[in-house]
Amino acid sequence: MLTPLPGWITATPPETLEVAAFKSGAALAHLSLATAADHVPQALWRDRLALTAAEVSAGIAGRREGAGAMRDALHLTKAGDDPGPAGSILRQWSRAVSRPISVSNLGRTLEGVAPERIALSLDATGPTPVDRAALVIETVLTDSPQGEVLALILADAVLSLALGRDHLLPLLGPVMTARDLRLRGDDLRLCCHRAAVRGVSQALPLASTLARAAARLRAAVPRLRAKGAARAVEMFLSQDAMTPVALARAIPESLSDRAARRLCERLVELGALRELSGRDTFRLYGV
C-alpha cells in the first residue's frame, strides 16, 4: 500500500492561487516519493491512466463511448484501419505515454501538429510545473479552440518533464473538464493547481492497486507451463489490455494463438489476470 495523500492537502479546495500552488506542489512531491519503488509497474500505470484520460477527453469532445468501447476500438481494429474518433483519442493517449517525451515522439503521436508547436510547448516556462502546464493549455486552446486532446497531452508532458520523468504520466488529463478548459489566466492556473491535487489523488490508489496485482501476476509464473509465460507476464505489466492474438504475435517463437488463449485463461483461473470485455469471443485481458 502506497502512502495516501495527507488529508490537509485534499480537505478543502484552496481559494487563492498561492495556497493552491503550495498544495499542488506538496501533492506532486508526495507522488514522486511514493511511486519511486520498483514494485509499481510504471508502464502499466501510465497506460491505465491514459485510458481514463482518453475517456475524459472523449467526453469533452462530445463522445459517449466508455472505457470498454474505447478499448474495443483500439485493440480490435486491424493495423492501418481507422479505430473511429473515440479509438483515435485512446490511441493518442496510449502512444503518448508509451514513448519517452520528445518532440519527435510526440510528433508521431499527435499527427498533423507541427514540431515547432510541440517544441514551444515543451519549453514553456513558469514559476511552478503546474503553471507551465496551464500556460500550454491556454496557448494551445487560444490557437485551436477544439484542440482539447492536444492541449491536455502537451500539458501533461510538460508537467511530467518538470517532475523529472522521461515518460508522460497523465495527471491533468484524467480530471480536467470542458468547463475547466474554458478558463483563462489566473482562473485557469488556479483550476490546474486544484486539478493536479485531484489527479494525484486518483493516481496514487491506482498505483497501489496495480502494485498488488503485479505481485500476484509475477507470483503465478512458476505455475505456468507455457514457454513464453514469463515474457507474456511482463507484457501484461506494460499495457492496459491485450488480445491473445496480439500476445501471440508479439512472442511468435513461444506462443501460438491457441497457446496464448490458454495462457490467458489459466492466468484468469489463478486470479492473476482479468478478462476485461465480458464476452465469450474477441476477449481482452489485462491486470
C-alpha atoms as a PDB file:
ATOM      1  CA  MET A   1       0.000   0.000   0.000  1.00  0.00           C
ATOM      2  CA  LEU A   2       1.431   3.354  -1.008  1.00  0.00           C
ATOM      3  CA  THR A   3       1.084   6.188   1.482  1.00  0.00           C
ATOM      4  CA  PRO A   4      -2.007   8.241   0.546  1.00  0.00           C
ATOM      5  CA  LEU A   5      -2.006  11.997   0.298  1.00  0.00           C
ATOM      6  CA  PRO A   6      -2.168  13.716   3.708  1.00  0.00           C
ATOM      7  CA  GLY A   7      -5.668  14.896   4.473  1.00  0.00           C
ATOM      8  CA  TRP A   8      -4.676  18.556   4.784  1.00  0.00           C
ATOM      9  CA  ILE A   9      -3.850  18.619   1.049  1.00  0.00           C
ATOM     10  CA  THR A  10      -7.250  17.369  -0.077  1.00  0.00           C
ATOM     11  CA  ALA A  11      -9.533  18.578   2.720  1.00  0.00           C
ATOM     12  CA  THR A  12     -10.763  21.845   1.173  1.00  0.00           C
ATOM     13  CA  PRO A  13     -10.282  23.236  -2.356  1.00  0.00           C
ATOM     14  CA  PRO A  14      -7.971  26.248  -1.966  1.00  0.00           C
ATOM     15  CA  GLU A  15      -9.464  29.659  -2.677  1.00  0.00           C
ATOM     16  CA  THR A  16      -6.246  31.503  -3.539  1.00  0.00           C
ATOM     17  CA  LEU A  17      -3.630  30.832  -6.170  1.00  0.00           C
ATOM     18  CA  GLU A  18      -0.808  30.860  -3.622  1.00  0.00           C
ATOM     19  CA  VAL A  19      -2.391  28.208  -1.401  1.00  0.00           C
ATOM     20  CA  ALA A  20      -3.372  26.138  -4.422  1.00  0.00           C
ATOM     21  CA  ALA A  21       0.203  26.197  -5.725  1.00  0.00           C
ATOM     22  CA  PHE A  22       1.530  25.149  -2.316  1.00  0.00           C
ATOM     23  CA  LYS A  23      -0.885  22.224  -2.088  1.00  0.00           C
ATOM     24  CA  SER A  24      -0.301  21.027  -5.645  1.00  0.00           C
ATOM     25  CA  GLY A  25       3.454  21.180  -5.073  1.00  0.00           C
ATOM     26  CA  ALA A  26       3.099  19.106  -1.917  1.00  0.00           C
ATOM     27  CA  ALA A  27       0.895  16.584  -3.729  1.00  0.00           C
ATOM     28  CA  LEU A  28       3.295  16.217  -6.655  1.00  0.00           C
ATOM     29  CA  ALA A  29       6.302  15.832  -4.341  1.00  0.00           C
ATOM     30  CA  HIS A  30       4.434  13.157  -2.380  1.00  0.00           C
ATOM     31  CA  LEU A  31       3.571  11.347  -5.616  1.00  0.00           C
ATOM     32  CA  SER A  32       7.198  11.265  -6.736  1.00  0.00           C
ATOM     33  CA  LEU A  33       8.373   9.846  -3.408  1.00  0.00           C
ATOM     34  CA  ALA A  34       5.543   7.345  -3.066  1.00  0.00           C
ATOM     35  CA  THR A  35       5.888   5.855  -6.534  1.00  0.00           C
ATOM     36  CA  ALA A  36       9.669   5.644  -6.749  1.00  0.00           C
ATOM     37  CA  ALA A  37       9.635   1.999  -5.589  1.00  0.00           C
ATOM     38  CA  ASP A  38      10.304  -0.713  -8.150  1.00  0.00           C
ATOM     39  CA  HIS A  39       7.145  -2.628  -7.285  1.00  0.00           C
ATOM     40  CA  VAL A  40       4.913  -0.103  -9.091  1.00  0.00           C
ATOM     41  CA  PRO A  41       4.526  -1.248 -12.742  1.00  0.00           C
ATOM     42  CA  GLN A  42       5.194   2.159 -14.220  1.00  0.00           C
ATOM     43  CA  ALA A  43       4.309   1.449 -17.860  1.00  0.00           C
ATOM     44  CA  LEU A  44       1.026  -0.216 -16.927  1.00  0.00           C
ATOM     45  CA  TRP A  45       0.226   2.610 -14.510  1.00  0.00           C
ATOM     46  CA  ARG A  46       0.755   5.193 -17.246  1.00  0.00           C
ATOM     47  CA  ASP A  47      -1.337   3.247 -19.735  1.00  0.00           C
ATOM     48  CA  ARG A  48      -4.227   2.746 -17.315  1.00  0.00           C
ATOM     49  CA  LEU A  49      -4.205   6.477 -16.541  1.00  0.00           C
ATOM     50  CA  ALA A  50      -4.113   7.114 -20.301  1.00  0.00           C
ATOM     51  CA  LEU A  51      -7.343   5.130 -20.636  1.00  0.00           C
ATOM     52  CA  THR A  52      -9.013   7.347 -18.030  1.00  0.00           C
ATOM     53  CA  ALA A  53      -7.659  10.477 -19.706  1.00  0.00           C
ATOM     54  CA  ALA A  54      -8.925   9.278 -23.087  1.00  0.00           C
ATOM     55  CA  GLU A  55     -12.386   8.610 -21.680  1.00  0.00           C
ATOM     56  CA  VAL A  56     -12.489  12.126 -20.211  1.00  0.00           C
ATOM     57  CA  SER A  57     -11.167  13.632 -23.454  1.00  0.00           C
ATOM     58  CA  ALA A  58     -13.819  11.808 -25.465  1.00  0.00           C
ATOM     59  CA  GLY A  59     -16.482  13.221 -23.171  1.00  0.00           C
ATOM     60  CA  ILE A  60     -15.102  16.734 -23.661  1.00  0.00           C
ATOM     61  CA  ALA A  61     -15.330  16.155 -27.412  1.00  0.00           C
ATOM     62  CA  GLY A  62     -18.982  15.134 -27.064  1.00  0.00           C
ATOM     63  CA  ARG A  63     -18.391  11.387 -27.439  1.00  0.00           C
ATOM     64  CA  ARG A  64     -20.325   8.923 -25.280  1.00  0.00           C
ATOM     65  CA  GLU A  65     -18.062   5.879 -25.598  1.00  0.00           C
ATOM     66  CA  GLY A  66     -16.909   4.455 -22.296  1.00  0.00           C
ATOM     67  CA  ALA A  67     -13.673   2.680 -21.472  1.00  0.00           C
ATOM     68  CA  GLY A  68     -14.906  -0.681 -22.786  1.00  0.00           C
ATOM     69  CA  ALA A  69     -15.924   0.671 -26.174  1.00  0.00           C
ATOM     70  CA  MET A  70     -12.676   2.597 -26.479  1.00  0.00           C
ATOM     71  CA  ARG A  71     -10.629  -0.492 -25.673  1.00  0.00           C
ATOM     72  CA  ASP A  72     -12.515  -2.418 -28.339  1.00  0.00           C
ATOM     73  CA  ALA A  73     -11.975   0.321 -30.904  1.00  0.00           C
ATOM     74  CA  LEU A  74      -8.235   0.343 -30.247  1.00  0.00           C
ATOM     75  CA  HIS A  75      -7.471  -3.337 -29.782  1.00  0.00           C
ATOM     76  CA  LEU A  76      -9.944  -4.985 -32.174  1.00  0.00           C
ATOM     77  CA  THR A  77      -9.227  -2.736 -35.152  1.00  0.00           C
ATOM     78  CA  LYS A  78      -6.788  -4.121 -37.696  1.00  0.00           C
ATOM     79  CA  ALA A  79      -3.476  -2.355 -38.137  1.00  0.00           C
ATOM     80  CA  GLY A  80      -3.845   0.518 -40.569  1.00  0.00           C
ATOM     81  CA  ASP A  81      -7.629   0.738 -40.161  1.00  0.00           C
ATOM     82  CA  ASP A  82      -9.409   3.715 -38.633  1.00  0.00           C
ATOM     83  CA  PRO A  83     -10.409   2.983 -35.000  1.00  0.00           C
ATOM     84  CA  GLY A  84     -13.006   5.759 -35.075  1.00  0.00           C
ATOM     85  CA  PRO A  85     -12.997   9.081 -33.211  1.00  0.00           C
ATOM     86  CA  ALA A  86     -13.000   7.642 -29.686  1.00  0.00           C
ATOM     87  CA  GLY A  87     -10.479   4.940 -30.578  1.00  0.00           C
ATOM     88  CA  SER A  88      -8.215   7.570 -32.097  1.00  0.00           C
ATOM     89  CA  ILE A  89      -8.304   9.552 -28.854  1.00  0.00           C
ATOM     90  CA  LEU A  90      -7.280   6.480 -26.855  1.00  0.00           C
ATOM     91  CA  ARG A  91      -4.573   5.671 -29.388  1.00  0.00           C
ATOM     92  CA  GLN A  92      -3.124   9.174 -28.997  1.00  0.00           C
ATOM     93  CA  TRP A  93      -3.007   8.935 -25.213  1.00  0.00           C
ATOM     94  CA  SER A  94      -1.623   5.384 -25.241  1.00  0.00           C
ATOM     95  CA  ARG A  95       1.116   6.293 -27.700  1.00  0.00           C
ATOM     96  CA  ALA A  96       1.932   9.448 -25.757  1.00  0.00           C
ATOM     97  CA  VAL A  97       2.607   7.504 -22.540  1.00  0.00           C
ATOM     98  CA  SER A  98       4.441   4.585 -24.160  1.00  0.00           C
ATOM     99  CA  ARG A  99       7.383   6.538 -25.593  1.00  0.00           C
ATOM    100  CA  PRO A 100       9.910   8.867 -23.925  1.00  0.00           C
ATOM    101  CA  ILE A 101       8.862  12.513 -24.119  1.00  0.00           C
ATOM    102  CA  SER A 102      10.468  14.232 -27.103  1.00  0.00           C
ATOM    103  CA  VAL A 103       9.441  16.444 -29.983  1.00  0.00           C
ATOM    104  CA  SER A 104       9.821  13.601 -32.473  1.00  0.00           C
ATOM    105  CA  ASN A 105       7.881  11.034 -30.404  1.00  0.00           C
ATOM    106  CA  LEU A 106       5.049  13.451 -29.687  1.00  0.00           C
ATOM    107  CA  GLY A 107       5.044  14.428 -33.354  1.00  0.00           C
ATOM    108  CA  ARG A 108       4.380  10.814 -34.312  1.00  0.00           C
ATOM    109  CA  THR A 109       1.637  10.626 -31.686  1.00  0.00           C
ATOM    110  CA  LEU A 110      -0.039  13.956 -32.463  1.00  0.00           C
ATOM    111  CA  GLU A 111      -0.323  13.613 -36.224  1.00  0.00           C
ATOM    112  CA  GLY A 112      -0.560  16.871 -38.115  1.00  0.00           C
ATOM    113  CA  VAL A 113       0.904  19.005 -35.313  1.00  0.00           C
ATOM    114  CA  ALA A 114       3.982  20.981 -36.326  1.00  0.00           C
ATOM    115  CA  PRO A 115       7.208  20.066 -34.492  1.00  0.00           C
ATOM    116  CA  GLU A 116       7.755  23.759 -33.740  1.00  0.00           C
ATOM    117  CA  ARG A 117       4.474  23.902 -31.833  1.00  0.00           C
ATOM    118  CA  ILE A 118       5.407  20.854 -29.764  1.00  0.00           C
ATOM    119  CA  ALA A 119       8.873  22.241 -29.054  1.00  0.00           C
ATOM    120  CA  LEU A 120       7.446  25.575 -27.893  1.00  0.00           C
ATOM    121  CA  SER A 121       5.090  23.754 -25.544  1.00  0.00           C
ATOM    122  CA  LEU A 122       7.854  21.612 -24.058  1.00  0.00           C
ATOM    123  CA  ASP A 123       9.909  24.760 -23.476  1.00  0.00           C
ATOM    124  CA  ALA A 124       7.101  26.531 -21.581  1.00  0.00           C
ATOM    125  CA  THR A 125       8.217  28.495 -18.547  1.00  0.00           C
ATOM    126  CA  GLY A 126       6.500  29.397 -15.304  1.00  0.00           C
ATOM    127  CA  PRO A 127       7.039  29.628 -11.551  1.00  0.00           C
ATOM    128  CA  THR A 128       5.865  26.037 -10.955  1.00  0.00           C
ATOM    129  CA  PRO A 129       5.414  22.896 -13.083  1.00  0.00           C
ATOM    130  CA  VAL A 130       1.638  23.290 -12.926  1.00  0.00           C
ATOM    131  CA  ASP A 131       1.870  26.911 -14.073  1.00  0.00           C
ATOM    132  CA  ARG A 132       3.843  25.738 -17.102  1.00  0.00           C
ATOM    133  CA  ALA A 133       1.133  23.186 -17.887  1.00  0.00           C
ATOM    134  CA  ALA A 134      -1.572  25.853 -17.546  1.00  0.00           C
ATOM    135  CA  LEU A 135       0.306  28.101 -19.965  1.00  0.00           C
ATOM    136  CA  VAL A 136       0.449  25.272 -22.507  1.00  0.00           C
ATOM    137  CA  ILE A 137      -3.290  24.649 -22.224  1.00  0.00           C
ATOM    138  CA  GLU A 138      -4.102  28.336 -22.679  1.00  0.00           C
ATOM    139  CA  THR A 139      -1.727  28.771 -25.611  1.00  0.00           C
ATOM    140  CA  VAL A 140      -2.908  25.682 -27.478  1.00  0.00           C
ATOM    141  CA  LEU A 141      -6.610  26.382 -26.977  1.00  0.00           C
ATOM    142  CA  THR A 142      -6.221  30.039 -27.943  1.00  0.00           C
ATOM    143  CA  ASP A 143      -4.817  28.917 -31.297  1.00  0.00           C
ATOM    144  CA  SER A 144      -7.001  25.800 -31.666  1.00  0.00           C
ATOM    145  CA  PRO A 145     -10.255  26.036 -29.651  1.00  0.00           C
ATOM    146  CA  GLN A 146     -11.144  22.430 -30.500  1.00  0.00           C
ATOM    147  CA  GLY A 147      -7.725  21.063 -29.608  1.00  0.00           C
ATOM    148  CA  GLU A 148      -8.529  19.830 -26.103  1.00  0.00           C
ATOM    149  CA  VAL A 149      -6.795  16.458 -26.519  1.00  0.00           C
ATOM    150  CA  LEU A 150      -3.677  18.128 -27.889  1.00  0.00           C
ATOM    151  CA  ALA A 151      -3.691  20.679 -25.065  1.00  0.00           C
ATOM    152  CA  LEU A 152      -4.043  18.071 -22.321  1.00  0.00           C
ATOM    153  CA  ILE A 153      -1.420  15.710 -23.732  1.00  0.00           C
ATOM    154  CA  LEU A 154       1.108  18.524 -24.105  1.00  0.00           C
ATOM    155  CA  ALA A 155       0.246  19.914 -20.667  1.00  0.00           C
ATOM    156  CA  ASP A 156       0.809  16.542 -19.010  1.00  0.00           C
ATOM    157  CA  ALA A 157       4.033  16.118 -20.997  1.00  0.00           C
ATOM    158  CA  VAL A 158       5.320  19.471 -19.730  1.00  0.00           C
ATOM    159  CA  LEU A 159       4.252  18.643 -16.180  1.00  0.00           C
ATOM    160  CA  SER A 160       5.937  15.234 -16.337  1.00  0.00           C
ATOM    161  CA  LEU A 161       9.196  16.702 -17.641  1.00  0.00           C
ATOM    162  CA  ALA A 162       9.179  19.303 -14.872  1.00  0.00           C
ATOM    163  CA  LEU A 163       8.797  16.483 -12.348  1.00  0.00           C
ATOM    164  CA  GLY A 164      11.879  14.746 -13.740  1.00  0.00           C
ATOM    165  CA  ARG A 165      10.018  11.991 -15.575  1.00  0.00           C
ATOM    166  CA  ASP A 166      11.100  10.854 -19.027  1.00  0.00           C
ATOM    167  CA  HIS A 167       7.638   9.424 -19.850  1.00  0.00           C
ATOM    168  CA  LEU A 168       4.313  11.227 -19.756  1.00  0.00           C
ATOM    169  CA  LEU A 169       2.232  10.479 -16.661  1.00  0.00           C
ATOM    170  CA  PRO A 170      -1.399  11.608 -17.139  1.00  0.00           C
ATOM    171  CA  LEU A 171      -2.414  13.691 -14.134  1.00  0.00           C
ATOM    172  CA  LEU A 172      -4.384  16.606 -15.568  1.00  0.00           C
ATOM    173  CA  GLY A 173      -5.941  14.687 -18.467  1.00  0.00           C
ATOM    174  CA  PRO A 174      -7.939  12.295 -16.264  1.00  0.00           C
ATOM    175  CA  VAL A 175      -9.566  15.036 -14.182  1.00  0.00           C
ATOM    176  CA  MET A 176      -9.991  18.274 -16.126  1.00  0.00           C
ATOM    177  CA  THR A 177     -13.400  19.108 -17.588  1.00  0.00           C
ATOM    178  CA  ALA A 178     -14.665  21.072 -20.569  1.00  0.00           C
ATOM    179  CA  ARG A 179     -15.619  23.872 -18.188  1.00  0.00           C
ATOM    180  CA  ASP A 180     -12.088  23.934 -16.763  1.00  0.00           C
ATOM    181  CA  LEU A 181     -10.623  24.276 -20.249  1.00  0.00           C
ATOM    182  CA  ARG A 182     -12.689  27.371 -20.987  1.00  0.00           C
ATOM    183  CA  LEU A 183     -10.924  29.308 -18.222  1.00  0.00           C
ATOM    184  CA  ARG A 184      -8.020  31.645 -18.911  1.00  0.00           C
ATOM    185  CA  GLY A 185      -5.324  33.495 -16.993  1.00  0.00           C
ATOM    186  CA  ASP A 186      -5.167  33.122 -13.222  1.00  0.00           C
ATOM    187  CA  ASP A 187      -8.514  31.319 -13.183  1.00  0.00           C
ATOM    188  CA  LEU A 188      -7.036  28.572 -15.351  1.00  0.00           C
ATOM    189  CA  ARG A 189      -3.873  28.443 -13.241  1.00  0.00           C
ATOM    190  CA  LEU A 190      -5.920  28.033 -10.054  1.00  0.00           C
ATOM    191  CA  CYS A 191      -8.005  25.330 -11.722  1.00  0.00           C
ATOM    192  CA  CYS A 192      -4.879  23.441 -12.865  1.00  0.00           C
ATOM    193  CA  HIS A 193      -3.357  23.507  -9.371  1.00  0.00           C
ATOM    194  CA  ARG A 194      -6.599  22.060  -7.980  1.00  0.00           C
ATOM    195  CA  ALA A 195      -6.701  19.520 -10.807  1.00  0.00           C
ATOM    196  CA  ALA A 196      -3.140  18.416 -10.053  1.00  0.00           C
ATOM    197  CA  VAL A 197      -4.171  17.530  -6.500  1.00  0.00           C
ATOM    198  CA  ARG A 198      -7.195  15.603  -7.810  1.00  0.00           C
ATOM    199  CA  GLY A 199      -5.004  13.862 -10.364  1.00  0.00           C
ATOM    200  CA  VAL A 200      -2.540  12.726  -7.712  1.00  0.00           C
ATOM    201  CA  SER A 201      -5.444  11.627  -5.500  1.00  0.00           C
ATOM    202  CA  GLN A 202      -6.607   9.325  -8.306  1.00  0.00           C
ATOM    203  CA  ALA A 203      -3.187   8.159  -9.435  1.00  0.00           C
ATOM    204  CA  LEU A 204      -1.867   7.041  -6.042  1.00  0.00           C
ATOM    205  CA  PRO A 205      -4.587   4.473  -5.215  1.00  0.00           C
ATOM    206  CA  LEU A 206      -4.331   3.116  -8.757  1.00  0.00           C
ATOM    207  CA  ALA A 207      -0.574   2.676  -8.334  1.00  0.00           C
ATOM    208  CA  SER A 208      -1.202   0.742  -5.101  1.00  0.00           C
ATOM    209  CA  THR A 209      -3.784  -1.479  -6.763  1.00  0.00           C
ATOM    210  CA  LEU A 210      -1.540  -2.220  -9.731  1.00  0.00           C
ATOM    211  CA  ALA A 211       1.469  -2.909  -7.499  1.00  0.00           C
ATOM    212  CA  ARG A 212      -0.500  -5.594  -5.645  1.00  0.00           C
ATOM    213  CA  ALA A 213      -1.844  -7.015  -8.902  1.00  0.00           C
ATOM    214  CA  ALA A 214       1.647  -7.092 -10.398  1.00  0.00           C
ATOM    215  CA  ALA A 215       2.915  -9.074  -7.412  1.00  0.00           C
ATOM    216  CA  ARG A 216       0.125 -11.640  -7.883  1.00  0.00           C
ATOM    217  CA  LEU A 217       0.823 -11.911 -11.590  1.00  0.00           C
ATOM    218  CA  ARG A 218       4.563 -12.433 -11.162  1.00  0.00           C
ATOM    219  CA  ALA A 219       3.935 -14.985  -8.402  1.00  0.00           C
ATOM    220  CA  ALA A 220       1.890 -17.036 -10.875  1.00  0.00           C
ATOM    221  CA  VAL A 221       4.755 -17.519 -13.338  1.00  0.00           C
ATOM    222  CA  PRO A 222       6.206 -20.687 -11.674  1.00  0.00           C
ATOM    223  CA  ARG A 223       2.768 -22.335 -12.016  1.00  0.00           C
ATOM    224  CA  LEU A 224       2.650 -21.793 -15.787  1.00  0.00           C
ATOM    225  CA  ARG A 225       3.857 -24.306 -18.342  1.00  0.00           C
ATOM    226  CA  ALA A 226       3.794 -22.113 -21.449  1.00  0.00           C
ATOM    227  CA  LYS A 227       7.257 -21.473 -22.855  1.00  0.00           C
ATOM    228  CA  GLY A 228       6.740 -17.728 -23.197  1.00  0.00           C
ATOM    229  CA  ALA A 229       4.892 -17.254 -19.902  1.00  0.00           C
ATOM    230  CA  ALA A 230       7.441 -15.001 -18.193  1.00  0.00           C
ATOM    231  CA  ARG A 231       7.685 -12.699 -21.200  1.00  0.00           C
ATOM    232  CA  ALA A 232       3.909 -12.637 -21.587  1.00  0.00           C
ATOM    233  CA  VAL A 233       3.540 -11.608 -17.947  1.00  0.00           C
ATOM    234  CA  GLU A 234       5.922  -8.692 -18.457  1.00  0.00           C
ATOM    235  CA  MET A 235       3.892  -7.594 -21.465  1.00  0.00           C
ATOM    236  CA  PHE A 236       0.710  -7.566 -19.397  1.00  0.00           C
ATOM    237  CA  LEU A 237       2.589  -5.424 -16.888  1.00  0.00           C
ATOM    238  CA  SER A 238       3.365  -2.852 -19.574  1.00  0.00           C
ATOM    239  CA  GLN A 239      -0.054  -2.103 -21.082  1.00  0.00           C
ATOM    240  CA  ASP A 240      -3.686  -1.769 -20.165  1.00  0.00           C
ATOM    241  CA  ALA A 241      -5.128  -4.594 -22.280  1.00  0.00           C
ATOM    242  CA  MET A 242      -4.161  -7.218 -24.844  1.00  0.00           C
ATOM    243  CA  THR A 243      -5.868  -9.799 -27.021  1.00  0.00           C
ATOM    244  CA  PRO A 244      -4.437 -13.330 -27.122  1.00  0.00           C
ATOM    245  CA  VAL A 245      -3.787 -12.815 -30.838  1.00  0.00           C
ATOM    246  CA  ALA A 246      -1.693  -9.719 -30.149  1.00  0.00           C
ATOM    247  CA  LEU A 247       0.166 -11.605 -27.417  1.00  0.00           C
ATOM    248  CA  ALA A 248       0.969 -14.475 -29.800  1.00  0.00           C
ATOM    249  CA  ARG A 249       2.153 -12.076 -32.497  1.00  0.00           C
ATOM    250  CA  ALA A 250       4.458 -10.386 -30.002  1.00  0.00           C
ATOM    251  CA  ILE A 251       6.050 -13.720 -28.989  1.00  0.00           C
ATOM    252  CA  PRO A 252       5.675 -15.885 -32.134  1.00  0.00           C
ATOM    253  CA  GLU A 253       8.638 -18.081 -31.266  1.00  0.00           C
ATOM    254  CA  SER A 254       6.981 -19.160 -28.000  1.00  0.00           C
ATOM    255  CA  LEU A 255       3.202 -18.857 -28.339  1.00  0.00           C
ATOM    256  CA  SER A 256       0.663 -19.833 -30.971  1.00  0.00           C
ATOM    257  CA  ASP A 257      -2.770 -18.166 -30.983  1.00  0.00           C
ATOM    258  CA  ARG A 258      -4.219 -21.189 -29.199  1.00  0.00           C
ATOM    259  CA  ALA A 259      -1.412 -21.313 -26.618  1.00  0.00           C
ATOM    260  CA  ALA A 260      -1.840 -17.601 -25.935  1.00  0.00           C
ATOM    261  CA  ARG A 261      -5.579 -18.064 -25.316  1.00  0.00           C
ATOM    262  CA  ARG A 262      -4.912 -20.961 -22.956  1.00  0.00           C
ATOM    263  CA  LEU A 263      -2.274 -18.951 -21.103  1.00  0.00           C
ATOM    264  CA  CYS A 264      -4.676 -16.038 -20.614  1.00  0.00           C
ATOM    265  CA  GLU A 265      -7.429 -18.367 -19.395  1.00  0.00           C
ATOM    266  CA  ARG A 266      -5.020 -20.049 -16.978  1.00  0.00           C
ATOM    267  CA  LEU A 267      -3.956 -16.703 -15.543  1.00  0.00           C
ATOM    268  CA  VAL A 268      -7.607 -15.783 -15.025  1.00  0.00           C
ATOM    269  CA  GLU A 269      -8.162 -19.107 -13.225  1.00  0.00           C
ATOM    270  CA  LEU A 270      -5.231 -18.316 -10.936  1.00  0.00           C
ATOM    271  CA  GLY A 271      -6.696 -14.895 -10.111  1.00  0.00           C
ATOM    272  CA  ALA A 272      -3.664 -13.172 -11.637  1.00  0.00           C
ATOM    273  CA  LEU A 273      -5.356 -11.657 -14.698  1.00  0.00           C
ATOM    274  CA  ARG A 274      -8.799 -10.302 -15.601  1.00  0.00           C
ATOM    275  CA  GLU A 275     -10.936 -10.735 -18.686  1.00  0.00           C
ATOM    276  CA  LEU A 276     -11.967  -7.166 -19.440  1.00  0.00           C
ATOM    277  CA  SER A 277     -14.617  -7.435 -22.162  1.00  0.00           C
ATOM    278  CA  GLY A 278     -17.208  -9.727 -20.550  1.00  0.00           C
ATOM    279  CA  ARG A 279     -17.601 -11.579 -23.870  1.00  0.00           C
ATOM    280  CA  ASP A 280     -17.115 -15.183 -24.928  1.00  0.00           C
ATOM    281  CA  THR A 281     -15.295 -14.130 -28.107  1.00  0.00           C
ATOM    282  CA  PHE A 282     -12.910 -11.325 -29.057  1.00  0.00           C
ATOM    283  CA  ARG A 283     -11.766 -11.185 -25.484  1.00  0.00           C
ATOM    284  CA  LEU A 284      -9.442  -8.643 -23.926  1.00  0.00           C
ATOM    285  CA  TYR A 285      -7.207  -9.400 -20.946  1.00  0.00           C
ATOM    286  CA  GLY A 286      -5.402  -7.174 -18.508  1.00  0.00           C
ATOM    287  CA  VAL A 287      -4.162  -6.812 -14.953  1.00  0.00           C
END
